[in-house]
């Protein structure tokens, strides 16, 4: 099956007429095998689909968009590439629901780092395609959300967001802005912090799994 993104899949162990899906979106410089290592721990009635980002860095590493460093070591994101990836993920959701018996009303994005940043952008730009997101170690970048997103019906979205308080890659202050932003939009959000760096602790995993169920 030739879909627009490479991916790994775990079929549901409990087969329904239409099953819900968890779409895993990895971070910068990683690949689809990374978050897929969680698959066996996730609920058995879900399709688990781990997507590979479209930009090839090297040696099995991929990115949803480039991060460039200037002479002062300020990072800046290629927002054009990020917007392209946002639309690419939205299109990939459509391809999955056309090719697998997936319940379109039960699509969850689970993103880490750059994958979390993209999950926010996809959910706010295309809330009709996404029921809920788990965004770990990321932040909300308003510049990559569709321009007219305020016209969208965002009230059925649910979000679980988490961050490490000693994250050395994405400062926790950036993540803390997400909950007030979502609450203003009327989006239900659970936000948690953990005493870790840029990663997913066992407690974080346990909490989001419980939130899913």
Protein backbone atom coordinates (compact mmCIF):
# COMPACT_ATOMS: atom_id res chain seq x y z
CA UNK A 1 0.00 0.00 0.00
CA UNK A 2 1.61 3.22 -1.12
CA UNK A 3 0.71 6.04 1.24
CA UNK A 4 2.36 9.45 1.30
CA UNK A 5 4.40 8.72 4.47
CA UNK A 6 6.41 5.65 5.42
CA UNK A 7 5.02 4.03 8.58
CA UNK A 8 5.02 1.04 10.90
CA UNK A 9 1.71 -0.51 11.90
CA UNK A 10 0.38 -2.73 14.66
CA UNK A 11 -3.05 -4.09 13.82
CA UNK A 12 -5.60 -4.12 16.65
CA UNK A 13 -5.69 -7.34 18.68
CA UNK A 14 -9.38 -6.76 19.39
CA UNK A 15 -10.99 -6.32 15.98
CA UNK A 16 -14.16 -4.21 15.72
CA UNK A 17 -16.10 -3.18 12.60
CA UNK A 18 -14.05 0.02 12.77
CA UNK A 19 -11.19 0.44 15.21
CA UNK A 20 -9.78 3.63 16.71
CA UNK A 21 -6.25 4.67 15.72
CA UNK A 22 -3.23 6.13 17.51
CA UNK A 23 -0.89 7.91 15.10
CA UNK A 24 2.61 8.35 16.53
CA UNK A 25 4.71 11.32 15.41
CA UNK A 26 8.39 11.20 16.37
CA UNK A 27 10.76 14.06 17.19
CA UNK A 28 13.51 15.77 15.18
CA UNK A 29 16.32 13.44 14.14
CA UNK A 30 14.45 10.28 15.04
CA UNK A 31 12.37 7.81 13.00
CA UNK A 32 9.19 5.74 13.05
CA UNK A 33 10.78 2.93 15.12
CA UNK A 34 11.30 5.22 18.11
CA UNK A 35 7.78 5.69 19.51
CA UNK A 36 6.68 2.37 17.97
CA UNK A 37 8.66 0.70 20.76
CA UNK A 38 5.69 1.68 23.01
CA UNK A 39 3.19 -0.15 20.78
CA UNK A 40 2.98 -3.36 22.79
CA UNK A 41 2.11 -1.35 25.91
CA UNK A 42 -0.78 0.52 24.29
CA UNK A 43 -4.45 -0.56 24.42
CA UNK A 44 -5.20 -3.57 22.21
CA UNK A 45 -8.26 -2.23 20.40
CA UNK A 46 -6.27 0.51 18.63
CA UNK A 47 -4.51 0.54 15.32
CA UNK A 48 -1.04 1.86 16.18
CA UNK A 49 0.56 3.65 13.25
CA UNK A 50 3.96 5.27 13.62
CA UNK A 51 4.72 7.70 10.79
CA UNK A 52 8.12 8.69 9.45
CA UNK A 53 8.72 12.42 8.93
CA UNK A 54 9.32 13.44 5.29
CA UNK A 55 12.70 15.22 5.56
CA UNK A 56 15.73 12.93 5.51
CA UNK A 57 18.60 14.14 7.71
CA UNK A 58 21.06 11.19 7.60
CA UNK A 59 21.58 7.64 8.87
CA UNK A 60 17.94 6.85 9.58
CA UNK A 61 17.08 10.25 11.09
CA UNK A 62 14.19 12.31 9.85
CA UNK A 63 12.54 15.67 10.59
CA UNK A 64 9.12 17.23 10.12
CA UNK A 65 10.89 20.52 9.38
CA UNK A 66 14.39 21.95 9.47
CA UNK A 67 15.80 23.63 12.55
CA UNK A 68 18.56 26.05 11.60
CA UNK A 69 21.19 27.56 13.87
CA UNK A 70 22.50 31.03 13.15
CA UNK A 71 25.86 32.49 14.24
CA UNK A 72 24.46 33.39 17.68
CA UNK A 73 23.20 29.83 18.12
CA UNK A 74 19.61 31.00 18.06
CA UNK A 75 17.45 28.21 16.74
CA UNK A 76 14.85 29.02 14.20
CA UNK A 77 12.28 26.71 12.70
CA UNK A 78 11.45 26.48 9.02
CA UNK A 79 7.75 27.31 9.38
CA UNK A 80 7.06 26.74 5.66
CA UNK A 81 8.26 23.16 5.95
CA UNK A 82 6.31 22.79 9.20
CA UNK A 83 3.09 23.93 7.50
CA UNK A 84 3.74 21.49 4.63
CA UNK A 85 4.20 18.68 7.15
CA UNK A 86 1.02 19.75 8.96
CA UNK A 87 -0.97 19.34 5.72
CA UNK A 88 0.91 16.15 4.88
CA UNK A 89 -0.15 14.60 8.22
CA UNK A 90 -3.77 15.70 7.65
CA UNK A 91 -3.68 14.03 4.23
CA UNK A 92 -2.05 10.90 5.74
CA UNK A 93 -4.98 10.64 8.21
CA UNK A 94 -7.37 10.60 5.23
CA UNK A 95 -5.29 7.95 3.46
CA UNK A 96 -5.29 5.74 6.56
CA UNK A 97 -9.05 5.97 7.04
CA UNK A 98 -9.57 5.15 3.35
CA UNK A 99 -7.23 2.13 3.41
CA UNK A 100 -7.90 0.59 6.84
CA UNK A 101 -11.17 -0.03 8.74
CA UNK A 102 -10.46 2.91 11.06
CA UNK A 103 -13.17 4.86 12.86
CA UNK A 104 -12.76 8.43 11.55
CA UNK A 105 -14.27 9.79 14.77
CA UNK A 106 -11.57 8.11 16.88
CA UNK A 107 -8.25 9.48 15.61
CA UNK A 108 -5.62 10.29 18.25
CA UNK A 109 -2.25 11.90 17.52
CA UNK A 110 0.60 11.12 19.93
CA UNK A 111 3.57 13.39 19.33
CA UNK A 112 6.95 13.81 20.96
CA UNK A 113 8.93 17.07 20.65
CA UNK A 114 8.64 18.17 16.98
CA UNK A 115 5.88 15.59 16.63
CA UNK A 116 4.01 17.26 19.51
CA UNK A 117 4.41 20.72 17.91
CA UNK A 118 2.92 19.29 14.70
CA UNK A 119 0.11 17.52 16.61
CA UNK A 120 -1.10 20.87 17.97
CA UNK A 121 -0.97 22.43 14.50
CA UNK A 122 -2.86 19.55 12.85
CA UNK A 123 -5.53 19.39 15.58
CA UNK A 124 -6.29 23.13 15.55
CA UNK A 125 -6.14 23.37 11.73
CA UNK A 126 -8.16 20.18 11.07
CA UNK A 127 -10.22 19.44 14.21
CA UNK A 128 -12.72 17.46 12.10
CA UNK A 129 -9.96 14.86 11.49
CA UNK A 130 -8.59 14.57 15.04
CA UNK A 131 -10.43 13.68 18.23
CA UNK A 132 -7.59 14.13 20.70
CA UNK A 133 -3.85 14.54 21.04
CA UNK A 134 -1.10 13.56 23.42
CA UNK A 135 1.67 16.15 23.13
CA UNK A 136 4.85 15.31 25.04
CA UNK A 137 7.86 17.62 25.36
CA UNK A 138 6.57 20.06 22.75
CA UNK A 139 4.97 23.50 22.60
CA UNK A 140 2.36 25.34 20.59
CA UNK A 141 3.71 27.34 17.63
CA UNK A 142 0.85 29.65 16.50
CA UNK A 143 2.72 30.46 13.26
CA UNK A 144 2.13 27.00 11.83
CA UNK A 145 -1.63 26.75 12.53
CA UNK A 146 -3.96 27.37 9.55
CA UNK A 147 -4.65 31.10 9.34
CA UNK A 148 -8.43 30.80 9.65
CA UNK A 149 -8.38 28.20 12.46
CA UNK A 150 -10.58 30.31 14.75
CA UNK A 151 -13.50 29.51 12.43
CA UNK A 152 -13.11 25.82 13.30
CA UNK A 153 -15.21 24.00 15.85
CA UNK A 154 -12.59 23.16 18.49
CA UNK A 155 -14.91 22.23 21.35
CA UNK A 156 -14.74 18.48 20.91
CA UNK A 157 -10.92 18.37 20.97
CA UNK A 158 -9.17 16.86 24.01
CA UNK A 159 -5.50 17.30 24.82
CA UNK A 160 -3.04 15.66 27.18
CA UNK A 161 0.18 17.71 27.32
CA UNK A 162 3.29 16.93 29.33
CA UNK A 163 6.78 18.30 29.81
CA UNK A 164 9.94 17.70 31.79
CA UNK A 165 10.77 20.53 34.19
CA UNK A 166 14.48 20.26 33.37
CA UNK A 167 14.04 19.91 29.60
CA UNK A 168 17.25 21.24 28.05
CA UNK A 169 15.92 21.18 24.45
CA UNK A 170 12.53 22.91 24.76
CA UNK A 171 12.23 25.12 27.87
CA UNK A 172 9.32 24.22 30.14
CA UNK A 173 8.24 27.90 30.04
CA UNK A 174 7.31 27.43 26.38
CA UNK A 175 5.14 24.43 27.23
CA UNK A 176 3.40 26.25 30.09
CA UNK A 177 1.85 28.72 27.64
CA UNK A 178 -0.15 25.96 25.96
CA UNK A 179 -2.84 25.33 28.59
CA UNK A 180 -3.96 29.00 28.91
CA UNK A 181 -3.99 29.28 25.09
CA UNK A 182 -6.20 26.17 24.75
CA UNK A 183 -8.48 27.14 27.63
CA UNK A 184 -9.20 30.47 25.88
CA UNK A 185 -10.28 28.47 22.82
CA UNK A 186 -12.52 26.26 24.96
CA UNK A 187 -10.37 23.15 24.37
CA UNK A 188 -10.21 20.60 27.21
CA UNK A 189 -6.57 20.18 28.24
CA UNK A 190 -4.78 18.17 30.93
CA UNK A 191 -1.23 19.48 31.51
CA UNK A 192 1.37 17.67 33.62
CA UNK A 193 5.03 18.16 34.42
CA UNK A 194 7.62 15.55 35.42
CA UNK A 195 11.06 15.83 37.07
CA UNK A 196 12.87 14.84 33.87
CA UNK A 197 14.67 16.30 30.84
CA UNK A 198 13.68 15.93 27.19
CA UNK A 199 12.08 12.49 27.28
CA UNK A 200 9.16 10.38 28.45
CA UNK A 201 9.25 9.00 31.98
CA UNK A 202 7.41 5.81 33.00
CA UNK A 203 5.00 7.97 35.05
CA UNK A 204 4.33 10.17 32.01
CA UNK A 205 3.58 7.06 29.91
CA UNK A 206 1.30 5.63 32.60
CA UNK A 207 -0.58 8.95 32.94
CA UNK A 208 -1.27 9.41 29.26
CA UNK A 209 -2.30 5.77 28.88
CA UNK A 210 -4.83 6.23 31.70
CA UNK A 211 -6.01 9.47 30.12
CA UNK A 212 -6.59 7.60 26.83
CA UNK A 213 -8.68 4.96 28.56
